[in-house]
Amino acid sequence: VMELCAGGDLDKHMKGQGGPYSEHQAAILMDQILKAVSYLHDCKSICHRDLKLQNFLFSRKAPVENNV
């Protein structure tokens, strides 16, 4: 699975961009994160007990808008 996540994790992505995300970028990220966690919980009965920036992975190195 890791080879499909060439964009690195959210922690490194945030530190590497040199400043905070815009409100629009943050909204896109939160929407994706909440949808993913909801899917795991509601559809697969999985409770992820280690939600942190390092555990959210990007598919490629690109602006947030292009990573969803």
N, C-alpha and C. Protein backbone atom coordinates (compact mmCIF):
# COMPACT_ATOMS: atom_id res chain seq x y z
N VAL A 1 0.82 -1.20 0.00
CA VAL A 1 0.00 0.00 0.00
C VAL A 1 0.87 1.26 0.00
N MET A 2 1.98 1.22 0.69
CA MET A 2 2.82 2.42 0.82
C MET A 2 3.32 2.93 -0.52
N GLU A 3 3.55 2.03 -1.48
CA GLU A 3 4.02 2.49 -2.79
C GLU A 3 2.96 3.31 -3.51
N LEU A 4 1.70 3.20 -3.10
CA LEU A 4 0.63 4.00 -3.69
C LEU A 4 0.51 5.37 -3.04
N CYS A 5 1.29 5.62 -2.01
CA CYS A 5 1.21 6.87 -1.24
C CYS A 5 2.49 7.67 -1.40
N ALA A 6 2.83 7.99 -2.61
CA ALA A 6 4.08 8.68 -2.91
C ALA A 6 4.12 10.11 -2.38
N GLY A 7 2.99 10.66 -1.99
CA GLY A 7 2.93 12.04 -1.53
C GLY A 7 3.33 12.24 -0.09
N GLY A 8 3.61 11.17 0.64
CA GLY A 8 3.99 11.30 2.04
C GLY A 8 2.80 11.47 2.95
N ASP A 9 3.08 11.77 4.21
CA ASP A 9 2.00 11.90 5.18
C ASP A 9 1.61 13.37 5.39
N LEU A 10 0.51 13.57 6.06
CA LEU A 10 -0.03 14.91 6.27
C LEU A 10 0.90 15.77 7.13
N ASP A 11 1.56 15.18 8.09
CA ASP A 11 2.49 15.92 8.94
C ASP A 11 3.62 16.53 8.11
N LYS A 12 4.26 15.72 7.29
CA LYS A 12 5.36 16.21 6.45
C LYS A 12 4.85 17.21 5.41
N HIS A 13 3.67 16.96 4.89
CA HIS A 13 3.09 17.84 3.90
C HIS A 13 2.83 19.23 4.50
N MET A 14 2.30 19.25 5.71
CA MET A 14 2.01 20.53 6.37
C MET A 14 3.30 21.29 6.69
N LYS A 15 4.30 20.58 7.18
CA LYS A 15 5.57 21.23 7.52
C LYS A 15 6.30 21.71 6.28
N GLY A 16 6.16 21.00 5.18
CA GLY A 16 6.87 21.32 3.96
C GLY A 16 6.28 22.46 3.15
N GLN A 17 5.05 22.81 3.43
CA GLN A 17 4.43 23.87 2.62
C GLN A 17 4.75 25.26 3.13
N GLY A 18 5.34 25.37 4.30
CA GLY A 18 5.83 26.65 4.78
C GLY A 18 4.80 27.56 5.43
N GLY A 19 3.64 27.08 5.70
CA GLY A 19 2.62 27.89 6.36
C GLY A 19 1.33 27.11 6.49
N PRO A 20 0.36 27.72 7.13
CA PRO A 20 -0.91 27.00 7.32
C PRO A 20 -1.68 26.83 6.01
N TYR A 21 -2.55 25.86 6.01
CA TYR A 21 -3.44 25.67 4.86
C TYR A 21 -4.45 26.81 4.82
N SER A 22 -4.92 27.11 3.63
CA SER A 22 -6.00 28.08 3.51
C SER A 22 -7.28 27.43 4.05
N GLU A 23 -8.29 28.22 4.28
CA GLU A 23 -9.56 27.68 4.76
C GLU A 23 -10.12 26.68 3.76
N HIS A 24 -9.99 26.98 2.49
CA HIS A 24 -10.48 26.08 1.44
C HIS A 24 -9.73 24.75 1.46
N GLN A 25 -8.41 24.80 1.57
CA GLN A 25 -7.61 23.57 1.62
C GLN A 25 -7.94 22.75 2.87
N ALA A 26 -8.08 23.42 4.00
CA ALA A 26 -8.42 22.73 5.24
C ALA A 26 -9.78 22.06 5.14
N ALA A 27 -10.73 22.73 4.50
CA ALA A 27 -12.07 22.16 4.33
C ALA A 27 -12.01 20.90 3.47
N ILE A 28 -11.22 20.94 2.41
CA ILE A 28 -11.07 19.76 1.54
C ILE A 28 -10.47 18.60 2.33
N LEU A 29 -9.41 18.89 3.07
CA LEU A 29 -8.76 17.84 3.87
C LEU A 29 -9.71 17.25 4.90
N MET A 30 -10.38 18.11 5.65
CA MET A 30 -11.28 17.62 6.69
C MET A 30 -12.43 16.80 6.10
N ASP A 31 -12.95 17.22 4.96
CA ASP A 31 -14.01 16.47 4.31
C ASP A 31 -13.53 15.06 3.98
N GLN A 32 -12.35 14.95 3.40
CA GLN A 32 -11.80 13.64 3.04
C GLN A 32 -11.51 12.79 4.28
N ILE A 33 -10.93 13.40 5.30
CA ILE A 33 -10.61 12.66 6.53
C ILE A 33 -11.89 12.14 7.19
N LEU A 34 -12.88 13.00 7.31
CA LEU A 34 -14.13 12.58 7.96
C LEU A 34 -14.87 11.52 7.16
N LYS A 35 -14.84 11.63 5.84
CA LYS A 35 -15.47 10.60 5.00
C LYS A 35 -14.76 9.26 5.16
N ALA A 36 -13.44 9.28 5.22
CA ALA A 36 -12.67 8.04 5.36
C ALA A 36 -12.94 7.38 6.71
N VAL A 37 -12.91 8.17 7.77
CA VAL A 37 -13.15 7.62 9.11
C VAL A 37 -14.59 7.12 9.23
N SER A 38 -15.53 7.85 8.65
CA SER A 38 -16.93 7.43 8.67
C SER A 38 -17.11 6.10 7.93
N TYR A 39 -16.46 5.97 6.78
CA TYR A 39 -16.54 4.72 6.01
C TYR A 39 -16.00 3.55 6.83
N LEU A 40 -14.83 3.74 7.42
CA LEU A 40 -14.26 2.66 8.22
C LEU A 40 -15.19 2.26 9.36
N HIS A 41 -15.75 3.25 10.02
CA HIS A 41 -16.59 3.00 11.18
C HIS A 41 -17.94 2.41 10.79
N ASP A 42 -18.63 3.06 9.86
CA ASP A 42 -20.00 2.68 9.53
C ASP A 42 -20.10 1.46 8.61
N CYS A 43 -19.22 1.36 7.65
CA CYS A 43 -19.33 0.30 6.64
C CYS A 43 -18.49 -0.93 6.96
N LYS A 44 -17.38 -0.73 7.62
CA LYS A 44 -16.46 -1.83 7.88
C LYS A 44 -16.33 -2.19 9.36
N SER A 45 -17.01 -1.46 10.22
CA SER A 45 -16.96 -1.68 11.67
C SER A 45 -15.52 -1.67 12.20
N ILE A 46 -14.73 -0.74 11.66
CA ILE A 46 -13.35 -0.58 12.10
C ILE A 46 -13.24 0.73 12.87
N CYS A 47 -12.64 0.65 14.04
CA CYS A 47 -12.39 1.84 14.84
C CYS A 47 -10.89 2.10 14.81
N HIS A 48 -10.49 3.14 14.10
CA HIS A 48 -9.07 3.48 14.00
C HIS A 48 -8.69 4.19 15.30
N ARG A 49 -7.80 3.60 16.05
CA ARG A 49 -7.47 4.13 17.37
C ARG A 49 -6.18 4.94 17.39
N ASP A 50 -5.67 5.27 16.23
CA ASP A 50 -4.41 6.03 16.19
C ASP A 50 -4.49 7.11 15.11
N LEU A 51 -5.50 7.97 15.22
CA LEU A 51 -5.65 9.05 14.26
C LEU A 51 -4.65 10.16 14.60
N LYS A 52 -3.74 10.39 13.67
CA LYS A 52 -2.75 11.46 13.83
C LYS A 52 -2.27 11.86 12.44
N LEU A 53 -1.61 12.99 12.35
CA LEU A 53 -1.19 13.52 11.06
C LEU A 53 -0.33 12.53 10.27
N GLN A 54 0.51 11.78 10.95
CA GLN A 54 1.41 10.84 10.28
C GLN A 54 0.67 9.66 9.65
N ASN A 55 -0.58 9.44 10.04
CA ASN A 55 -1.33 8.30 9.52
C ASN A 55 -2.28 8.67 8.38
N PHE A 56 -2.25 9.91 7.95
CA PHE A 56 -3.03 10.32 6.78
C PHE A 56 -2.04 10.50 5.63
N LEU A 57 -2.21 9.70 4.59
CA LEU A 57 -1.23 9.65 3.50
C LEU A 57 -1.79 10.23 2.21
N PHE A 58 -0.91 10.88 1.45
CA PHE A 58 -1.28 11.45 0.16
C PHE A 58 -0.90 10.49 -0.96
N SER A 59 -1.71 10.47 -1.99
CA SER A 59 -1.43 9.60 -3.13
C SER A 59 -0.29 10.12 -3.98
N ARG A 60 -0.09 11.44 -3.97
CA ARG A 60 0.99 12.03 -4.78
C ARG A 60 1.38 13.38 -4.19
N LYS A 61 2.54 13.87 -4.60
CA LYS A 61 3.00 15.18 -4.15
C LYS A 61 2.36 16.23 -5.05
N ALA A 62 1.41 16.94 -4.50
CA ALA A 62 0.68 17.95 -5.26
C ALA A 62 -0.07 18.82 -4.27
N PRO A 63 -0.57 19.96 -4.70
CA PRO A 63 -1.41 20.76 -3.80
C PRO A 63 -2.59 19.95 -3.30
N VAL A 64 -3.10 20.34 -2.16
CA VAL A 64 -4.20 19.61 -1.53
C VAL A 64 -5.35 19.38 -2.49
N GLU A 65 -5.70 20.38 -3.27
CA GLU A 65 -6.84 20.27 -4.18
C GLU A 65 -6.66 19.14 -5.18
N ASN A 66 -5.42 18.80 -5.51
CA ASN A 66 -5.14 17.76 -6.50
C ASN A 66 -4.89 16.39 -5.88
N ASN A 67 -4.94 16.31 -4.57
CA ASN A 67 -4.63 15.06 -3.88
C ASN A 67 -5.86 14.31 -3.42
N VAL A 68 -7.02 14.80 -3.71
CA VAL A 68 -8.23 14.15 -3.22
C VAL A 68 -8.90 13.36 -4.32
